[in-house]
Amino acid sequence: MRRYLINTVVAVAAMIILSKAAKRELIVKNNICLAGAASALAVGSFIFDIYTMVLWSVLVMQSYTDITEQHLYLMLPRLLAVMEVAYCLVHRTYLDIPLSVMIFPAVLIAAAMLIRAYTIGDMELFLIIMLHTYNQGISPNEYMVSYLSVTGMVFAVYMIVKNVIGMIKHRVPVWKGAFAPAMTIGFLIVYFNILMH
């Protein structure tokens, strides 16, 4: 019960931040995206633990701004990265899994960024997901490879749907789009896969 209460507080706080920022015109207001963010946060409050709910809230907020503005705000992921490192040190998660297991996924993420598969904001989201995975006692090696694959597939489906809709509306096909929503959906899919095993 306590978990759901805290998760609900986190979800409400994230919605207040988004709503206030949109009202003050700090970010673009989009009612459909706000409704989607509220739904995603509500779903997350029932399925995630407290620490994962904080990450989920950041992913949802970043997805909102990526869809509406094609922009990721780096302050939230950086703050969350500091919190994940602090969690690692306080709870001594590095004793359960050696830190060296993060080398391969970090190189994989950096290599994908170098070939311009995604932006620095996307890379920072990948890195906090990697840190969070590590702190949850899951080896980032296998997790990040499957997560990157699922995210890539979700993004490909998103772009196909977007271009089909664009073709119906007689628009020119586009090859770039919001990647954070694919990361968020991919996170949910991989999380459920882990729960089932």
Protein backbone atom coordinates (compact mmCIF):
# COMPACT_ATOMS: atom_id res chain seq x y z
CA MET A 1 0.00 0.00 0.00
CA ARG A 2 2.84 2.37 0.91
CA ARG A 3 4.50 1.74 -2.47
CA TYR A 4 1.34 2.69 -4.39
CA LEU A 5 0.91 5.83 -2.30
CA ILE A 6 4.49 6.99 -2.91
CA ASN A 7 4.25 6.09 -6.61
CA THR A 8 1.03 8.08 -6.88
CA VAL A 9 2.75 11.08 -5.27
CA VAL A 10 5.61 10.77 -7.79
CA ALA A 11 3.12 10.50 -10.69
CA VAL A 12 1.13 13.53 -9.49
CA ALA A 13 4.33 15.54 -9.02
CA ALA A 14 5.43 14.71 -12.58
CA MET A 15 2.02 15.76 -13.96
CA ILE A 16 2.11 19.00 -11.96
CA ILE A 17 5.56 19.79 -13.37
CA LEU A 18 4.38 19.13 -16.93
CA SER A 19 1.11 21.02 -16.49
CA LYS A 20 2.70 24.05 -14.83
CA ALA A 21 5.48 24.20 -17.43
CA ALA A 22 2.90 24.02 -20.24
CA LYS A 23 0.69 26.65 -18.55
CA ARG A 24 3.65 29.02 -18.17
CA GLU A 25 4.60 28.30 -21.79
CA LEU A 26 7.99 26.92 -20.77
CA ILE A 27 7.10 23.87 -22.87
CA VAL A 28 4.58 23.44 -25.67
CA LYS A 29 1.10 22.56 -24.45
CA ASN A 30 -0.49 19.53 -26.11
CA ASN A 31 -3.62 18.13 -24.46
CA ILE A 32 -3.36 14.74 -26.18
CA CYS A 33 0.25 14.32 -25.01
CA LEU A 34 -0.69 15.49 -21.49
CA ALA A 35 -3.45 12.87 -21.38
CA GLY A 36 -1.00 10.24 -22.63
CA ALA A 37 1.56 11.26 -20.00
CA ALA A 38 -1.08 11.09 -17.24
CA SER A 39 -2.12 7.60 -18.42
CA ALA A 40 1.48 6.36 -18.59
CA LEU A 41 2.21 7.73 -15.11
CA ALA A 42 -0.96 6.13 -13.71
CA VAL A 43 -0.01 2.74 -15.20
CA GLY A 44 3.52 3.08 -13.84
CA SER A 45 2.30 3.83 -10.33
CA PHE A 46 0.73 0.35 -10.17
CA ILE A 47 3.53 -1.75 -11.66
CA PHE A 48 6.87 -0.20 -10.67
CA ASP A 49 8.74 -0.09 -7.41
CA ILE A 50 9.48 3.35 -5.93
CA TYR A 51 12.93 3.76 -7.52
CA THR A 52 11.77 2.60 -10.94
CA MET A 53 8.77 4.95 -10.71
CA VAL A 54 11.11 7.94 -10.47
CA LEU A 55 12.93 6.78 -13.63
CA TRP A 56 9.59 6.11 -15.35
CA SER A 57 8.42 9.65 -14.53
CA VAL A 58 11.56 11.13 -16.07
CA LEU A 59 11.12 8.96 -19.19
CA VAL A 60 7.47 10.05 -19.54
CA MET A 61 8.33 13.75 -19.11
CA GLN A 62 11.19 13.49 -21.62
CA SER A 63 8.88 11.69 -24.07
CA TYR A 64 6.38 14.54 -23.77
CA THR A 65 8.94 17.22 -24.61
CA ASP A 66 10.52 15.09 -27.34
CA ILE A 67 7.14 14.69 -29.07
CA THR A 68 5.99 18.30 -28.64
CA GLU A 69 9.31 20.14 -29.06
CA GLN A 70 11.81 17.60 -30.43
CA HIS A 71 13.91 18.55 -27.41
CA LEU A 72 15.14 16.70 -24.32
CA TYR A 73 15.88 18.63 -21.14
CA LEU A 74 19.14 17.36 -19.71
CA MET A 75 18.72 18.56 -16.12
CA LEU A 76 16.37 15.73 -15.08
CA PRO A 77 18.45 12.84 -16.48
CA ARG A 78 21.62 14.31 -14.98
CA LEU A 79 19.97 14.70 -11.58
CA LEU A 80 18.70 11.14 -11.82
CA ALA A 81 22.19 9.90 -12.81
CA VAL A 82 23.61 11.51 -9.64
CA MET A 83 20.85 9.83 -7.61
CA GLU A 84 21.62 6.44 -9.21
CA VAL A 85 25.35 6.78 -8.45
CA ALA A 86 24.51 7.79 -4.85
CA TYR A 87 22.18 4.77 -4.58
CA CYS A 88 24.99 2.53 -5.86
CA LEU A 89 27.40 3.87 -3.22
CA VAL A 90 24.96 3.89 -0.30
CA HIS A 91 23.45 0.45 -0.98
CA ARG A 92 26.79 -0.95 -2.19
CA THR A 93 25.27 -2.59 -5.24
CA TYR A 94 28.76 -2.75 -6.75
CA LEU A 95 29.45 -5.67 -4.38
CA ASP A 96 26.77 -7.81 -6.06
CA ILE A 97 27.77 -7.18 -9.68
CA PRO A 98 31.24 -5.96 -10.72
CA LEU A 99 31.37 -2.47 -12.22
CA SER A 100 33.18 -3.88 -15.25
CA VAL A 101 29.88 -5.26 -16.62
CA MET A 102 28.93 -1.67 -17.51
CA ILE A 103 31.84 -1.24 -19.93
CA PHE A 104 30.28 -3.09 -22.88
CA PRO A 105 26.86 -1.36 -22.76
CA ALA A 106 28.51 2.05 -22.25
CA VAL A 107 30.71 1.47 -25.33
CA LEU A 108 27.67 0.25 -27.29
CA ILE A 109 25.68 3.39 -26.37
CA ALA A 110 28.61 5.71 -27.18
CA ALA A 111 29.25 3.95 -30.52
CA ALA A 112 25.60 4.32 -31.54
CA MET A 113 25.76 8.01 -30.68
CA LEU A 114 28.94 8.47 -32.72
CA ILE A 115 27.21 7.10 -35.81
CA ARG A 116 24.39 9.57 -35.06
CA ALA A 117 21.82 6.91 -34.29
CA TYR A 118 20.55 9.26 -31.58
CA THR A 119 21.38 12.49 -29.72
CA ILE A 120 23.23 13.29 -26.50
CA GLY A 121 19.91 13.54 -24.67
CA ASP A 122 18.99 10.03 -25.76
CA MET A 123 22.43 8.80 -24.70
CA GLU A 124 21.96 10.26 -21.22
CA LEU A 125 18.60 8.49 -20.91
CA PHE A 126 20.25 5.21 -21.98
CA LEU A 127 22.97 5.72 -19.37
CA ILE A 128 20.55 6.31 -16.49
CA ILE A 129 18.57 3.25 -17.57
CA MET A 130 21.85 1.29 -17.54
CA LEU A 131 22.70 2.60 -14.04
CA HIS A 132 19.20 1.84 -12.79
CA THR A 133 19.38 -1.69 -14.18
CA TYR A 134 22.71 -2.20 -12.45
CA ASN A 135 21.33 -0.93 -9.14
CA GLN A 136 18.37 -3.33 -9.42
CA GLY A 137 20.80 -6.27 -9.51
CA ILE A 138 20.44 -6.96 -13.24
CA SER A 139 23.58 -7.25 -15.35
CA PRO A 140 23.50 -4.38 -17.87
CA ASN A 141 25.34 -6.45 -20.50
CA GLU A 142 22.40 -8.57 -21.63
CA TYR A 143 19.74 -6.10 -20.53
CA MET A 144 21.04 -3.16 -22.56
CA VAL A 145 21.50 -5.22 -25.73
CA SER A 146 17.90 -6.46 -25.55
CA TYR A 147 16.68 -3.01 -24.50
CA LEU A 148 18.46 -1.27 -27.41
CA SER A 149 17.03 -3.86 -29.81
CA VAL A 150 13.45 -3.47 -28.54
CA THR A 151 13.75 0.32 -28.55
CA GLY A 152 15.00 0.27 -32.13
CA MET A 153 12.08 -1.92 -33.22
CA VAL A 154 9.53 0.32 -31.42
CA PHE A 155 11.07 3.38 -33.08
CA ALA A 156 10.93 1.72 -36.51
CA VAL A 157 7.23 0.93 -36.04
CA TYR A 158 6.60 4.49 -34.86
CA MET A 159 8.33 5.95 -37.94
CA ILE A 160 6.45 3.62 -40.31
CA VAL A 161 3.11 4.62 -38.79
CA LYS A 162 4.09 8.29 -38.82
CA ASN A 163 5.10 8.13 -42.51
CA VAL A 164 1.98 6.18 -43.52
CA ILE A 165 -0.18 8.84 -41.84
CA GLY A 166 1.95 11.50 -43.53
CA MET A 167 1.48 9.86 -46.93
CA ILE A 168 -2.30 9.80 -46.40
CA LYS A 169 -2.10 13.53 -45.66
CA HIS A 170 0.17 14.02 -48.73
CA ARG A 171 3.28 14.90 -46.71
CA VAL A 172 6.88 14.12 -47.58
CA PRO A 173 8.26 11.08 -45.66
CA VAL A 174 10.55 11.92 -42.72
CA TRP A 175 13.43 9.86 -41.38
CA LYS A 176 13.88 11.53 -37.99
CA GLY A 177 11.48 11.52 -35.09
CA ALA A 178 11.05 11.55 -31.33
CA PHE A 179 13.18 8.73 -29.91
CA ALA A 180 12.36 9.15 -26.18
CA PRO A 181 8.82 7.68 -26.56
CA ALA A 182 10.35 4.56 -28.13
CA MET A 183 12.79 4.37 -25.21
CA THR A 184 9.90 4.67 -22.76
CA ILE A 185 7.77 1.99 -24.44
CA GLY A 186 10.86 -0.22 -24.85
CA PHE A 187 11.60 0.15 -21.13
CA LEU A 188 8.07 -1.00 -20.28
CA ILE A 189 8.29 -4.00 -22.64
CA VAL A 190 11.68 -5.16 -21.34
CA TYR A 191 10.58 -4.58 -17.72
CA PHE A 192 7.55 -6.86 -18.25
CA ASN A 193 9.79 -9.45 -19.92
CA ILE A 194 12.02 -9.47 -16.84
CA LEU A 195 8.99 -9.80 -14.54
CA MET A 196 7.74 -12.82 -16.50
CA HIS A 197 11.04 -14.71 -16.11
